[in-house]
């Protein structure tokens, strides 16, 4: 809000000097006070429309102001713009206004802007909000702070949007209690959730408080959209915070509401929310069903409106989680094409938070594929966009993956960076998917032969998985535990073998074919060392033929190599 007054402290001696210069203007002082109330900068047209003096008198007064050195003029009347030479001059002129005339003047400025300069009001609604607030016309002030916040959110100016939403909510408390105020507060909270998610992350305490208050404000006659958005905000919080049982209940309620309303827009998000929840719970077949449904119902031409409601595009998110799900289920031929389609749509959408989410999700996929080069390209871009737009969680995720890339390329500082990213992620309140990050960390410890640290990391991840129900990576965590035990000592061979058995059983129960293949490959390599060659051949021959040939899939390449070494 360029030029609006900010209650500057002025030394008494300097204030007295400045006020003396203002007082010398005589009757014209009222005009300079009006200009000061408008702002550090004001136009001739707005001042003329606000004050009730003849043009000749106004022009003479402005000429005196310019000659006095108090203000500077740009352009010619009637298109002239005036600037106070210093903010202290503006404050001195403004401070001479008594409180009641000051309120009246701000009200007149606001009403003049609204009636005579609607284009400027549309561009800068915060100007009107400020003047209505100073006029103590609270209802109008809240309305225009809301408009300013929505405009900011639309252009991804999330910090500014939060500031304006917070100002609207603060002023709203001054309005009389009642249904009208409650409805307005509900609308403000639901809209505020979008920039709040972007800046603070899904699992921040602010997110829970925002959406819990919104839920508390719902009434029997609240619209289905308001009910859906309040519940969906709480779903996102509980999901990423690691409360998967709560998230599952909310996702099922969202799906039931969308089914009742038979709204395509709500069904896309409801299918997505159920699919994502089932994915993290390790219920991959159900996840695939709902993610396919979300993708099928999605209309890419309506992306922008959906982003404004949810903070990121549901169609793009559905494609990303579908790619992750299909990889785990072993349908690997569709994974990269889906992921690249999602990234292409995110770039076309030009919505920074959706882009960062797509970049980080592809980093999960490519790190799973052991592709450090591609993961590095994605994380560098995610760090740049997250830094530019103050996305705390996006930056934390990207930092973790960049650390993994550095470690994969033999740089010792990579481990520390991965730990820093994980710590920053946890600081946002985010827990879900940390089991995956911890598995990357444990794998680094395994390669560096830091076995005790690796085992401690796996135990931390398993605690998260079991207590929170985040079972999508459970089989891989158990397999990695077996690999670490093998390196610990010869006495741990039986314990490692038991881990591989358990990983196989978990993966089979989840129909997680790729994780089953990884566990089977680890088991076959162990049995080869123990000279159980027939068992090793059998376990891999039972799995490997299920997969289509894929020349760049390192898991399939490793399984094939082990089979060849076994003489199959």
Protein backbone atom coordinates (compact mmCIF):
# COMPACT_ATOMS: atom_id res chain seq x y z
CA UNK A 1 0.00 0.00 0.00
CA UNK A 2 2.29 2.66 -1.29
CA UNK A 3 2.09 5.93 0.56
CA UNK A 4 -0.30 5.01 3.39
CA UNK A 5 0.57 6.45 6.76
CA UNK A 6 2.44 4.24 9.26
CA UNK A 7 2.45 6.26 12.52
CA UNK A 8 6.07 7.35 12.30
CA UNK A 9 7.74 8.52 15.54
CA UNK A 10 8.97 12.09 15.03
CA UNK A 11 11.35 13.89 17.42
CA UNK A 12 9.54 16.73 19.18
CA UNK A 13 11.86 19.44 17.84
CA UNK A 14 11.52 18.23 14.27
CA UNK A 15 7.75 17.86 14.57
CA UNK A 16 7.43 21.40 15.84
CA UNK A 17 9.46 22.68 12.89
CA UNK A 18 7.44 20.74 10.35
CA UNK A 19 4.11 21.77 11.88
CA UNK A 20 5.20 25.39 11.80
CA UNK A 21 5.80 25.08 8.06
CA UNK A 22 2.38 23.47 7.60
CA UNK A 23 0.70 26.18 9.70
CA UNK A 24 2.20 28.88 7.49
CA UNK A 25 -0.07 27.66 4.71
CA UNK A 26 -3.03 29.29 6.45
CA UNK A 27 -6.49 28.25 5.24
CA UNK A 28 -4.88 26.05 2.59
CA UNK A 29 -3.68 23.80 5.40
CA UNK A 30 -6.95 21.83 5.11
CA UNK A 31 -6.02 20.80 1.61
CA UNK A 32 -2.56 19.54 2.55
CA UNK A 33 -4.20 17.62 5.41
CA UNK A 34 -6.55 15.98 2.91
CA UNK A 35 -3.58 15.06 0.71
CA UNK A 36 -1.77 13.60 3.74
CA UNK A 37 -4.83 11.50 4.59
CA UNK A 38 -4.93 10.12 1.04
CA UNK A 39 -1.30 9.02 1.27
CA UNK A 40 2.33 9.85 0.61
CA UNK A 41 1.29 10.14 -3.03
CA UNK A 42 -2.02 11.53 -4.27
CA UNK A 43 -3.48 12.55 -7.61
CA UNK A 44 -5.01 15.90 -8.47
CA UNK A 45 -8.17 14.14 -9.63
CA UNK A 46 -8.72 12.30 -6.32
CA UNK A 47 -7.98 15.34 -4.19
CA UNK A 48 -10.27 17.48 -6.36
CA UNK A 49 -13.09 14.97 -6.02
CA UNK A 50 -12.60 14.68 -2.26
CA UNK A 51 -12.42 18.33 -1.17
CA UNK A 52 -15.16 20.87 -1.75
CA UNK A 53 -13.26 23.91 -3.09
CA UNK A 54 -13.24 25.62 -6.50
CA UNK A 55 -10.60 24.42 -8.97
CA UNK A 56 -8.84 27.77 -9.00
CA UNK A 57 -8.46 27.77 -5.21
CA UNK A 58 -7.22 24.16 -5.23
CA UNK A 59 -4.67 24.83 -7.97
CA UNK A 60 -3.39 27.94 -6.20
CA UNK A 61 -3.01 26.03 -2.95
CA UNK A 62 -1.17 23.17 -4.63
CA UNK A 63 1.12 25.72 -6.28
CA UNK A 64 1.96 27.12 -2.85
CA UNK A 65 2.64 23.63 -1.50
CA UNK A 66 5.05 22.91 -4.32
CA UNK A 67 6.74 26.28 -3.92
CA UNK A 68 7.17 25.68 -0.20
CA UNK A 69 9.10 22.49 -0.91
CA UNK A 70 6.69 20.38 1.12
CA UNK A 71 5.50 18.38 -1.89
CA UNK A 72 6.73 17.57 -5.38
CA UNK A 73 4.62 17.61 -8.56
CA UNK A 74 4.80 15.21 -11.52
CA UNK A 75 2.83 15.94 -14.70
CA UNK A 76 0.39 18.69 -15.49
CA UNK A 77 -3.07 19.34 -14.06
CA UNK A 78 -5.55 17.60 -14.28
CA UNK A 79 -3.32 14.51 -14.63
CA UNK A 80 -0.78 15.70 -12.06
CA UNK A 81 0.44 13.50 -9.21
CA UNK A 82 1.85 14.93 -5.96
CA UNK A 83 4.33 13.39 -3.53
CA UNK A 84 5.21 14.52 -0.04
CA UNK A 85 8.92 15.19 -0.07
CA UNK A 86 9.33 13.11 3.08
CA UNK A 87 7.08 10.80 5.07
CA UNK A 88 7.71 13.02 8.12
CA UNK A 89 6.10 15.94 6.31
CA UNK A 90 3.06 13.81 5.57
CA UNK A 91 2.89 12.74 9.24
CA UNK A 92 3.18 16.33 10.47
CA UNK A 93 0.31 17.48 8.24
CA UNK A 94 -1.83 14.46 9.15
CA UNK A 95 -1.23 14.77 12.90
CA UNK A 96 -2.85 18.22 13.00
CA UNK A 97 -6.22 16.65 12.09
CA UNK A 98 -8.54 16.14 15.10
CA UNK A 99 -9.91 12.59 15.43
CA UNK A 100 -13.51 13.24 14.34
CA UNK A 101 -12.67 15.28 11.21
CA UNK A 102 -9.99 12.69 10.43
CA UNK A 103 -12.57 9.88 10.42
CA UNK A 104 -14.91 11.94 8.25
CA UNK A 105 -12.13 12.72 5.81
CA UNK A 106 -11.15 9.07 5.42
CA UNK A 107 -14.79 8.14 4.87
CA UNK A 108 -15.07 10.80 2.17
CA UNK A 109 -11.87 9.60 0.48
CA UNK A 110 -13.10 5.99 0.50
CA UNK A 111 -16.55 6.87 -0.84
CA UNK A 112 -15.02 9.08 -3.53
CA UNK A 113 -12.64 6.34 -4.64
CA UNK A 114 -15.41 3.77 -4.73
CA UNK A 115 -17.77 5.94 -6.78
CA UNK A 116 -15.34 7.83 -9.02
CA UNK A 117 -12.32 5.55 -9.43
CA UNK A 118 -13.63 1.95 -9.60
CA UNK A 119 -10.73 0.77 -11.78
CA UNK A 120 -8.19 1.76 -9.13
CA UNK A 121 -10.31 0.13 -6.43
CA UNK A 122 -10.29 -3.14 -8.41
CA UNK A 123 -6.52 -2.97 -8.76
CA UNK A 124 -5.74 -1.82 -5.20
CA UNK A 125 -8.67 -2.73 -2.91
CA UNK A 126 -6.35 -2.43 0.10
CA UNK A 127 -6.39 1.37 -0.36
CA UNK A 128 -10.13 1.46 0.19
CA UNK A 129 -9.84 -1.02 3.05
CA UNK A 130 -7.32 1.25 4.77
CA UNK A 131 -9.48 4.36 4.44
CA UNK A 132 -12.63 2.59 5.61
CA UNK A 133 -10.70 1.20 8.57
CA UNK A 134 -9.44 4.68 9.49
CA UNK A 135 -13.01 5.96 9.14
CA UNK A 136 -14.07 3.21 11.59
CA UNK A 137 -16.51 1.87 9.00
CA UNK A 138 -15.60 -1.69 9.93
CA UNK A 139 -17.95 -3.65 7.69
CA UNK A 140 -16.71 -1.95 4.54
CA UNK A 141 -13.09 -2.26 5.72
CA UNK A 142 -13.45 -6.03 6.21
CA UNK A 143 -15.03 -6.39 2.77
CA UNK A 144 -12.13 -4.64 1.01
CA UNK A 145 -9.40 -6.37 3.05
CA UNK A 146 -11.08 -9.59 1.90
CA UNK A 147 -10.99 -8.44 -1.72
CA UNK A 148 -7.31 -7.54 -1.41
CA UNK A 149 -6.49 -10.91 0.12
CA UNK A 150 -8.32 -12.83 -2.62
CA UNK A 151 -6.54 -10.84 -5.30
CA UNK A 152 -3.19 -11.62 -3.66
CA UNK A 153 -4.02 -15.31 -3.35
CA UNK A 154 -5.05 -15.44 -7.02
CA UNK A 155 -1.60 -14.22 -8.07
CA UNK A 156 0.23 -16.41 -5.48
CA UNK A 157 1.32 -13.42 -3.39
CA UNK A 158 0.73 -15.62 -0.35
CA UNK A 159 2.42 -13.59 2.39
CA UNK A 160 0.51 -10.47 1.36
CA UNK A 161 -2.70 -12.50 1.17
CA UNK A 162 -2.21 -13.81 4.71
CA UNK A 163 -1.57 -10.31 6.04
CA UNK A 164 -4.76 -9.02 4.43
CA UNK A 165 -6.85 -12.01 5.57
CA UNK A 166 -5.52 -11.57 9.10
CA UNK A 167 -6.42 -7.88 9.07
CA UNK A 168 -9.95 -8.70 7.88
CA UNK A 169 -10.39 -11.34 10.62
CA UNK A 170 -9.05 -8.96 13.26
CA UNK A 171 -11.53 -6.23 12.31
CA UNK A 172 -14.37 -8.72 11.98
CA UNK A 173 -14.29 -9.18 15.76
CA UNK A 174 -15.50 -5.58 16.12
CA UNK A 175 -18.75 -6.32 14.29
CA UNK A 176 -21.87 -7.38 16.20
CA UNK A 177 -22.20 -11.09 16.95
CA UNK A 178 -24.69 -12.95 14.81
CA UNK A 179 -25.25 -15.22 11.85
CA UNK A 180 -24.12 -12.68 9.26
CA UNK A 181 -20.76 -12.24 10.99
CA UNK A 182 -20.33 -16.01 11.36
CA UNK A 183 -20.96 -16.58 7.64
CA UNK A 184 -18.43 -13.89 6.73
CA UNK A 185 -15.85 -15.33 9.13
CA UNK A 186 -16.37 -18.79 7.62
CA UNK A 187 -15.78 -17.44 4.10
CA UNK A 188 -12.62 -15.63 5.24
CA UNK A 189 -11.21 -18.71 6.97
CA UNK A 190 -11.86 -21.02 4.03
CA UNK A 191 -10.22 -18.60 1.60
CA UNK A 192 -7.33 -17.96 4.02
CA UNK A 193 -6.53 -21.67 4.11
CA UNK A 194 -5.08 -21.62 0.59
CA UNK A 195 -2.19 -19.16 1.18
CA UNK A 196 -1.77 -20.57 4.69
CA UNK A 197 -1.16 -24.03 3.22
CA UNK A 198 1.37 -22.65 0.75
CA UNK A 199 3.39 -20.69 3.29
CA UNK A 200 3.16 -22.80 6.45
CA UNK A 201 2.56 -26.26 4.99
CA UNK A 202 -0.31 -28.71 5.36
CA UNK A 203 0.43 -29.76 8.94
CA UNK A 204 1.09 -26.48 10.75
CA UNK A 205 -0.81 -25.66 13.94
CA UNK A 206 -2.19 -22.61 12.11
CA UNK A 207 -3.80 -24.90 9.53
CA UNK A 208 -5.54 -26.98 12.19
CA UNK A 209 -6.81 -23.90 14.04
CA UNK A 210 -7.99 -22.25 10.83
CA UNK A 211 -10.03 -25.20 9.60
CA UNK A 212 -11.26 -26.33 13.00
CA UNK A 213 -12.69 -22.85 13.55
CA UNK A 214 -14.26 -23.02 10.07
CA UNK A 215 -15.82 -26.39 10.92
CA UNK A 216 -17.16 -25.00 14.20
CA UNK A 217 -18.86 -22.18 12.27
CA UNK A 218 -20.71 -24.55 9.93
CA UNK A 219 -24.47 -24.65 10.37
CA UNK A 220 -27.18 -26.98 9.13
CA UNK A 221 -27.92 -24.71 6.17
CA UNK A 222 -24.25 -24.08 5.28
CA UNK A 223 -23.57 -24.76 1.62
CA UNK A 224 -22.17 -28.13 0.58
CA UNK A 225 -19.07 -26.33 -0.74
CA UNK A 226 -18.40 -24.71 2.65
CA UNK A 227 -18.88 -28.06 4.40
CA UNK A 228 -16.57 -29.75 1.91
CA UNK A 229 -13.81 -27.13 2.13
CA UNK A 230 -13.77 -27.07 5.94
CA UNK A 231 -13.59 -30.86 6.11
CA UNK A 232 -11.01 -31.03 3.33
CA UNK A 233 -8.73 -28.57 5.15
CA UNK A 234 -8.82 -30.74 8.26
CA UNK A 235 -8.20 -33.83 6.10
CA UNK A 236 -5.03 -32.26 4.67
CA UNK A 237 -3.81 -31.34 8.15
CA UNK A 238 -4.39 -34.79 9.65
CA UNK A 239 -2.99 -36.59 6.60
CA UNK A 240 0.34 -34.77 6.55
CA UNK A 241 0.57 -34.55 10.34
CA UNK A 242 0.54 -38.35 10.36
CA UNK A 243 -2.94 -38.90 11.84
CA UNK A 244 -3.92 -41.30 9.07
CA UNK A 245 -6.90 -42.88 10.86
CA UNK A 246 -8.45 -39.42 11.29
CA UNK A 247 -7.58 -38.54 7.69
CA UNK A 248 -9.20 -41.72 6.42
CA UNK A 249 -12.45 -40.99 8.24
CA UNK A 250 -12.52 -37.44 6.88
CA UNK A 251 -11.73 -38.61 3.33
CA UNK A 252 -14.58 -41.12 3.45
CA UNK A 253 -16.93 -38.37 4.68
CA UNK A 254 -15.78 -36.12 1.85
CA UNK A 255 -16.49 -38.86 -0.66
CA UNK A 256 -19.96 -39.45 0.80
CA UNK A 257 -20.74 -35.71 0.63
CA UNK A 258 -19.54 -35.45 -2.97
CA UNK A 259 -21.61 -38.53 -3.91
CA UNK A 260 -24.74 -36.99 -2.35
CA UNK A 261 -24.22 -33.71 -4.20
CA UNK A 262 -23.24 -35.42 -7.47
CA UNK A 263 -20.86 -32.53 -8.11
CA UNK A 264 -18.04 -33.31 -10.55
CA UNK A 265 -15.77 -30.71 -8.94
CA UNK A 266 -16.26 -32.17 -5.47
CA UNK A 267 -15.94 -35.75 -6.73
CA UNK A 268 -12.51 -35.06 -8.25
CA UNK A 269 -11.17 -33.85 -4.91
CA UNK A 270 -13.00 -36.54 -2.90
CA UNK A 271 -11.59 -39.36 -5.06
CA UNK A 272 -8.15 -37.78 -4.82
CA UNK A 273 -8.29 -37.43 -1.04
CA UNK A 274 -9.38 -41.05 -0.60
CA UNK A 275 -6.78 -42.25 -3.09
CA UNK A 276 -3.93 -40.37 -1.40
CA UNK A 277 -5.02 -41.58 2.05
CA UNK A 278 -5.24 -45.20 0.89
CA UNK A 279 -1.82 -44.85 -0.74
CA UNK A 280 -0.12 -43.87 2.52
CA UNK A 281 -2.05 -46.57 4.39
CA UNK A 282 -0.59 -49.14 1.97
CA UNK A 283 -4.01 -49.97 0.46
CA UNK A 284 -2.70 -49.67 -3.08
CA UNK A 285 -5.50 -51.34 -5.05
CA UNK A 286 -8.08 -49.01 -3.51
CA UNK A 287 -5.74 -46.06 -4.02
CA UNK A 288 -5.42 -46.88 -7.72
CA UNK A 289 -9.21 -47.07 -8.13
CA UNK A 290 -9.85 -43.64 -6.63
CA UNK A 291 -6.85 -41.95 -8.25
CA UNK A 292 -7.92 -43.23 -11.67
CA UNK A 293 -11.41 -41.90 -10.95
CA UNK A 294 -10.05 -38.46 -10.01
CA UNK A 295 -7.95 -38.36 -13.16
CA UNK A 296 -10.88 -39.46 -15.32
CA UNK A 297 -13.30 -36.85 -13.95
CA UNK A 298 -10.73 -34.05 -14.06
CA UNK A 299 -11.12 -31.34 -16.69
CA UNK A 300 -7.75 -29.58 -17.22
CA UNK A 301 -9.62 -26.50 -18.49
CA UNK A 302 -11.03 -25.91 -14.99
CA UNK A 303 -7.69 -26.12 -13.20
CA UNK A 304 -7.52 -22.51 -12.09
CA UNK A 305 -10.79 -22.49 -10.15
CA UNK A 306 -9.89 -25.74 -8.36
CA UNK A 307 -6.49 -24.35 -7.35
CA UNK A 308 -8.21 -21.35 -5.78
CA UNK A 309 -10.33 -23.67 -3.58
CA UNK A 310 -7.73 -26.28 -2.62
CA UNK A 311 -4.32 -24.61 -2.95
CA UNK A 312 -3.10 -27.02 -5.63
CA UNK A 313 -4.60 -28.66 -8.68
CA UNK A 314 -6.34 -31.99 -7.89
CA UNK A 315 -5.98 -33.39 -11.41
CA UNK A 316 -2.21 -32.90 -11.35
CA UNK A 317 -1.96 -34.31 -7.84
CA UNK A 318 -4.01 -37.36 -8.88
CA UNK A 319 -1.63 -38.09 -11.75
CA UNK A 320 1.38 -37.83 -9.44
CA UNK A 321 0.02 -40.18 -6.79
CA UNK A 322 -1.26 -42.55 -9.46
CA UNK A 323 2.30 -42.73 -10.83
CA UNK A 324 3.67 -43.55 -7.37
CA UNK A 325 0.94 -46.14 -6.82
CA UNK A 326 1.47 -47.84 -10.17
CA UNK A 327 5.22 -48.09 -9.56
CA UNK A 328 4.63 -49.88 -6.27
CA UNK A 329 2.04 -52.17 -7.89
CA UNK A 330 4.59 -53.04 -10.56
CA UNK A 331 2.82 -51.35 -13.48
CA UNK A 332 6.00 -49.48 -14.22
CA UNK A 333 5.45 -48.85 -17.94
CA UNK A 334 2.95 -46.04 -17.14
CA UNK A 335 4.87 -44.30 -14.36
CA UNK A 336 7.14 -41.87 -16.15
CA UNK A 337 4.58 -40.80 -18.76
CA UNK A 338 2.06 -39.96 -16.00
CA UNK A 339 4.69 -38.07 -14.01
CA UNK A 340 5.83 -36.04 -17.00
CA UNK A 341 2.24 -35.29 -17.98
CA UNK A 342 1.63 -33.95 -14.45
CA UNK A 343 4.73 -31.76 -14.60
CA UNK A 344 3.74 -30.42 -18.02
CA UNK A 345 0.27 -29.50 -16.76
CA UNK A 346 1.80 -27.84 -13.68
CA UNK A 347 4.05 -25.67 -15.86
CA UNK A 348 1.11 -24.73 -18.07
CA UNK A 349 -1.00 -23.81 -15.03
CA UNK A 350 1.60 -21.29 -13.83
CA UNK A 351 0.67 -21.82 -10.16
CA UNK A 352 3.89 -21.87 -8.09
CA UNK A 353 2.72 -24.14 -5.25
CA UNK A 354 1.31 -26.75 -7.62
CA UNK A 355 4.58 -26.59 -9.57
CA UNK A 356 6.68 -27.14 -6.43
CA UNK A 357 4.46 -30.04 -5.39
CA UNK A 358 4.87 -31.60 -8.84
CA UNK A 359 8.64 -31.09 -8.79
CA UNK A 360 8.96 -32.67 -5.34
CA UNK A 361 6.65 -35.55 -6.19
CA UNK A 362 8.72 -36.35 -9.26
CA UNK A 363 11.78 -36.20 -7.02
CA UNK A 364 10.19 -38.95 -4.89
CA UNK A 365 9.65 -41.00 -8.04
CA UNK A 366 13.12 -40.49 -9.55
CA UNK A 367 14.89 -41.09 -6.23
CA UNK A 368 12.95 -44.36 -5.98
CA UNK A 369 14.30 -45.16 -9.45
CA UNK A 370 17.84 -44.31 -8.20
CA UNK A 371 18.08 -41.49 -10.79
CA UNK A 372 20.17 -38.91 -8.93
CA UNK A 373 20.77 -36.71 -12.00
CA UNK A 374 17.08 -36.17 -12.74
CA UNK A 375 16.25 -35.79 -9.04
CA UNK A 376 18.93 -33.09 -8.78
CA UNK A 377 17.45 -31.11 -11.68
CA UNK A 378 13.99 -31.20 -10.12
CA UNK A 379 15.13 -30.26 -6.61
CA UNK A 380 17.20 -27.29 -7.79
CA UNK A 381 14.12 -25.83 -9.46
CA UNK A 382 11.94 -26.61 -6.44
CA UNK A 383 14.38 -24.84 -4.12
CA UNK A 384 14.41 -21.75 -6.35
CA UNK A 385 10.60 -21.51 -6.59
CA UNK A 386 10.07 -22.32 -2.89
CA UNK A 387 12.58 -19.67 -1.85
CA UNK A 388 10.99 -17.07 -4.13
CA UNK A 389 7.49 -17.70 -2.76
CA UNK A 390 8.35 -18.55 0.89
CA UNK A 391 7.08 -22.16 0.73
CA UNK A 392 8.47 -23.57 4.00
CA UNK A 393 7.51 -27.20 3.43
CA UNK A 394 8.45 -27.22 -0.25
CA UNK A 395 11.89 -25.88 0.61
CA UNK A 396 12.32 -28.45 3.39
CA UNK A 397 11.38 -31.37 1.11
CA UNK A 398 13.66 -30.12 -1.66
CA UNK A 399 16.56 -29.68 0.75
CA UNK A 400 16.25 -33.33 1.83
CA UNK A 401 16.29 -34.61 -1.73
CA UNK A 402 19.15 -32.35 -2.73
CA UNK A 403 21.10 -33.82 0.19
CA UNK A 404 20.35 -37.33 -1.09
CA UNK A 405 21.55 -36.35 -4.58
CA UNK A 406 24.82 -34.98 -3.18
CA UNK A 407 25.35 -38.15 -1.14
CA UNK A 408 24.62 -40.33 -4.17
CA UNK A 409 27.30 -38.42 -6.06
CA UNK A 410 29.86 -38.98 -3.30
CA UNK A 411 29.72 -35.57 -1.60
CA UNK A 412 30.05 -35.88 2.17
CA UNK A 413 28.00 -32.74 2.83
CA UNK A 414 24.96 -34.47 1.33
CA UNK A 415 24.19 -36.38 4.53
CA UNK A 416 24.09 -33.19 6.60
CA UNK A 417 21.85 -31.47 4.06
CA UNK A 418 19.42 -34.39 4.04
CA UNK A 419 19.27 -34.23 7.84
CA UNK A 420 18.70 -30.46 7.73
CA UNK A 421 15.86 -30.91 5.27
CA UNK A 422 14.26 -33.63 7.38
CA UNK A 423 14.52 -31.44 10.49
CA UNK A 424 12.96 -28.50 8.63
CA UNK A 425 10.16 -30.77 7.39
CA UNK A 426 9.41 -31.90 10.94
CA UNK A 427 9.45 -28.27 12.11
CA UNK A 428 6.45 -27.56 9.86
CA UNK A 429 4.54 -30.35 11.64
CA UNK A 430 4.76 -32.69 8.65
CA UNK A 431 5.20 -36.38 9.43
CA UNK A 432 3.67 -38.38 6.57
CA UNK A 433 6.17 -39.47 3.92
CA UNK A 434 9.06 -39.01 6.37
CA UNK A 435 9.35 -42.80 6.43
CA UNK A 436 10.46 -42.56 2.80
CA UNK A 437 13.02 -39.84 3.58
CA UNK A 438 14.34 -41.85 6.52
CA UNK A 439 14.78 -44.85 4.21
CA UNK A 440 16.98 -42.72 1.94
CA UNK A 441 19.01 -41.73 5.00
CA UNK A 442 19.33 -45.35 6.17
CA UNK A 443 20.50 -46.38 2.71
CA UNK A 444 23.27 -43.76 2.87
CA UNK A 445 24.34 -45.06 6.27
CA UNK A 446 24.38 -48.58 4.80
CA UNK A 447 26.72 -47.55 1.98
CA UNK A 448 28.97 -45.70 4.42
CA UNK A 449 29.00 -48.74 6.76
CA UNK A 450 27.54 -46.68 9.62
CA UNK A 451 25.40 -49.63 10.58
CA UNK A 452 24.27 -48.63 14.08
CA UNK A 453 23.10 -45.23 12.82
CA UNK A 454 21.35 -46.93 9.92
CA UNK A 455 19.51 -49.33 12.20
CA UNK A 456 18.49 -46.50 14.54
CA UNK A 457 17.12 -44.60 11.54
CA UNK A 458 15.11 -47.62 10.41
CA UNK A 459 13.67 -48.06 13.91
CA UNK A 460 12.60 -44.40 13.91
CA UNK A 461 10.89 -44.90 10.55
CA UNK A 462 9.22 -48.15 11.67
CA UNK A 463 7.86 -46.41 14.76
CA UNK A 464 6.30 -43.75 12.51
CA UNK A 465 4.92 -46.43 10.21
CA UNK A 466 3.37 -48.61 12.87
CA UNK A 467 2.05 -45.96 15.27
CA UNK A 468 0.67 -43.67 12.55
CA UNK A 469 -0.46 -46.37 10.13
CA UNK A 470 1.82 -45.05 7.38
CA UNK A 471 2.43 -48.47 5.86
CA UNK A 472 3.09 -47.64 2.20
CA UNK A 473 6.87 -48.05 2.65
CA UNK A 474 6.71 -50.65 5.43
CA UNK A 475 8.05 -53.54 3.33
CA UNK A 476 11.01 -51.49 2.13
CA UNK A 477 11.91 -50.40 5.66
CA UNK A 478 11.96 -54.02 6.83
CA UNK A 479 14.06 -55.03 3.80
CA UNK A 480 16.58 -52.25 4.52
CA UNK A 481 16.75 -53.40 8.13
CA UNK A 482 17.71 -56.85 6.84
CA UNK A 483 20.45 -55.38 4.62
CA UNK A 484 21.86 -53.43 7.58
CA UNK A 485 21.80 -56.51 9.81
CA UNK A 486 23.74 -58.46 7.16
CA UNK A 487 26.49 -55.86 7.35
CA UNK A 488 26.44 -55.76 11.14
CA UNK A 489 27.90 -59.23 11.76
CA UNK A 490 27.79 -62.87 10.67
CA UNK A 491 25.64 -63.59 13.72
CA UNK A 492 22.84 -61.43 12.26
CA UNK A 493 22.29 -63.54 9.15
CA UNK A 494 19.24 -65.33 10.53
CA UNK A 495 17.71 -62.03 11.72
CA UNK A 496 18.32 -60.55 8.27
CA UNK A 497 16.68 -63.54 6.59
CA UNK A 498 13.66 -63.10 8.84
CA UNK A 499 13.46 -59.45 7.82
CA UNK A 500 13.43 -60.41 4.14
CA UNK A 501 10.66 -62.96 4.82
CA UNK A 502 8.63 -60.32 6.65
CA UNK A 503 9.18 -57.76 3.88
CA UNK A 504 8.02 -60.30 1.30
CA UNK A 505 4.88 -61.09 3.30
CA UNK A 506 3.99 -57.41 3.80
CA UNK A 507 4.50 -56.63 0.12
CA UNK A 508 2.46 -59.65 -0.97
CA UNK A 509 -0.44 -58.68 1.31
CA UNK A 510 -0.36 -55.14 -0.13
CA UNK A 511 0.03 -56.40 -3.74
CA UNK A 512 3.13 -54.18 -3.81
CA UNK A 513 4.90 -56.03 -6.62
CA UNK A 514 7.96 -53.76 -6.88
CA UNK A 515 8.61 -53.90 -3.14
CA UNK A 516 8.08 -57.66 -3.27
CA UNK A 517 10.68 -57.85 -6.07
CA UNK A 518 13.16 -55.83 -4.00
CA UNK A 519 12.67 -58.12 -1.01
CA UNK A 520 12.94 -61.22 -3.20
CA UNK A 521 16.16 -59.94 -4.77
CA UNK A 522 17.68 -59.31 -1.34
CA UNK A 523 16.62 -62.79 -0.23
CA UNK A 524 17.99 -64.42 -3.41
CA UNK A 525 21.36 -62.71 -2.95
CA UNK A 526 21.51 -63.94 0.66
CA UNK A 527 20.53 -67.48 -0.31
CA UNK A 528 23.18 -67.50 -3.04
CA UNK A 529 25.78 -66.77 -0.36
CA UNK A 530 24.31 -69.54 1.78
CA UNK A 531 24.41 -71.88 -1.22
CA UNK A 532 20.59 -72.26 -1.32
CA UNK A 533 20.70 -71.86 -5.07
CA UNK A 534 17.43 -73.62 -5.95
CA UNK A 535 15.51 -71.52 -3.41
CA UNK A 536 17.14 -68.35 -4.76
CA UNK A 537 16.21 -69.23 -8.36
CA UNK A 538 12.67 -70.15 -7.41
CA UNK A 539 11.88 -66.96 -5.52
CA UNK A 540 13.05 -64.69 -8.35
CA UNK A 541 11.65 -66.82 -11.16
CA UNK A 542 8.25 -66.60 -9.50
CA UNK A 543 8.33 -62.79 -9.65
CA UNK A 544 10.53 -61.48 -12.43
CA UNK A 545 8.42 -62.68 -15.39
CA UNK A 546 5.44 -60.63 -14.15
CA UNK A 547 7.17 -57.42 -15.20
CA UNK A 548 7.46 -55.97 -18.66
CA UNK A 549 11.00 -55.42 -19.89
CA UNK A 550 12.26 -51.97 -18.95
CA UNK A 551 15.83 -51.19 -19.93
CA UNK A 552 16.37 -48.39 -17.42
CA UNK A 553 14.68 -49.85 -14.33
CA UNK A 554 17.52 -50.63 -11.95
CA UNK A 555 15.43 -52.93 -9.76
CA UNK A 556 14.59 -55.15 -12.73
CA UNK A 557 18.18 -54.99 -13.96
CA UNK A 558 19.47 -56.12 -10.56
CA UNK A 559 16.94 -58.98 -10.35
CA UNK A 560 17.85 -60.12 -13.87
CA UNK A 561 21.56 -59.94 -13.05
CA UNK A 562 21.09 -62.11 -9.95
CA UNK A 563 19.10 -64.64 -11.99
CA UNK A 564 21.88 -64.79 -14.59
CA UNK A 565 24.47 -65.28 -11.86
CA UNK A 566 22.37 -68.15 -10.51
CA UNK A 567 22.57 -69.78 -13.93
CA UNK A 568 18.90 -69.44 -14.82
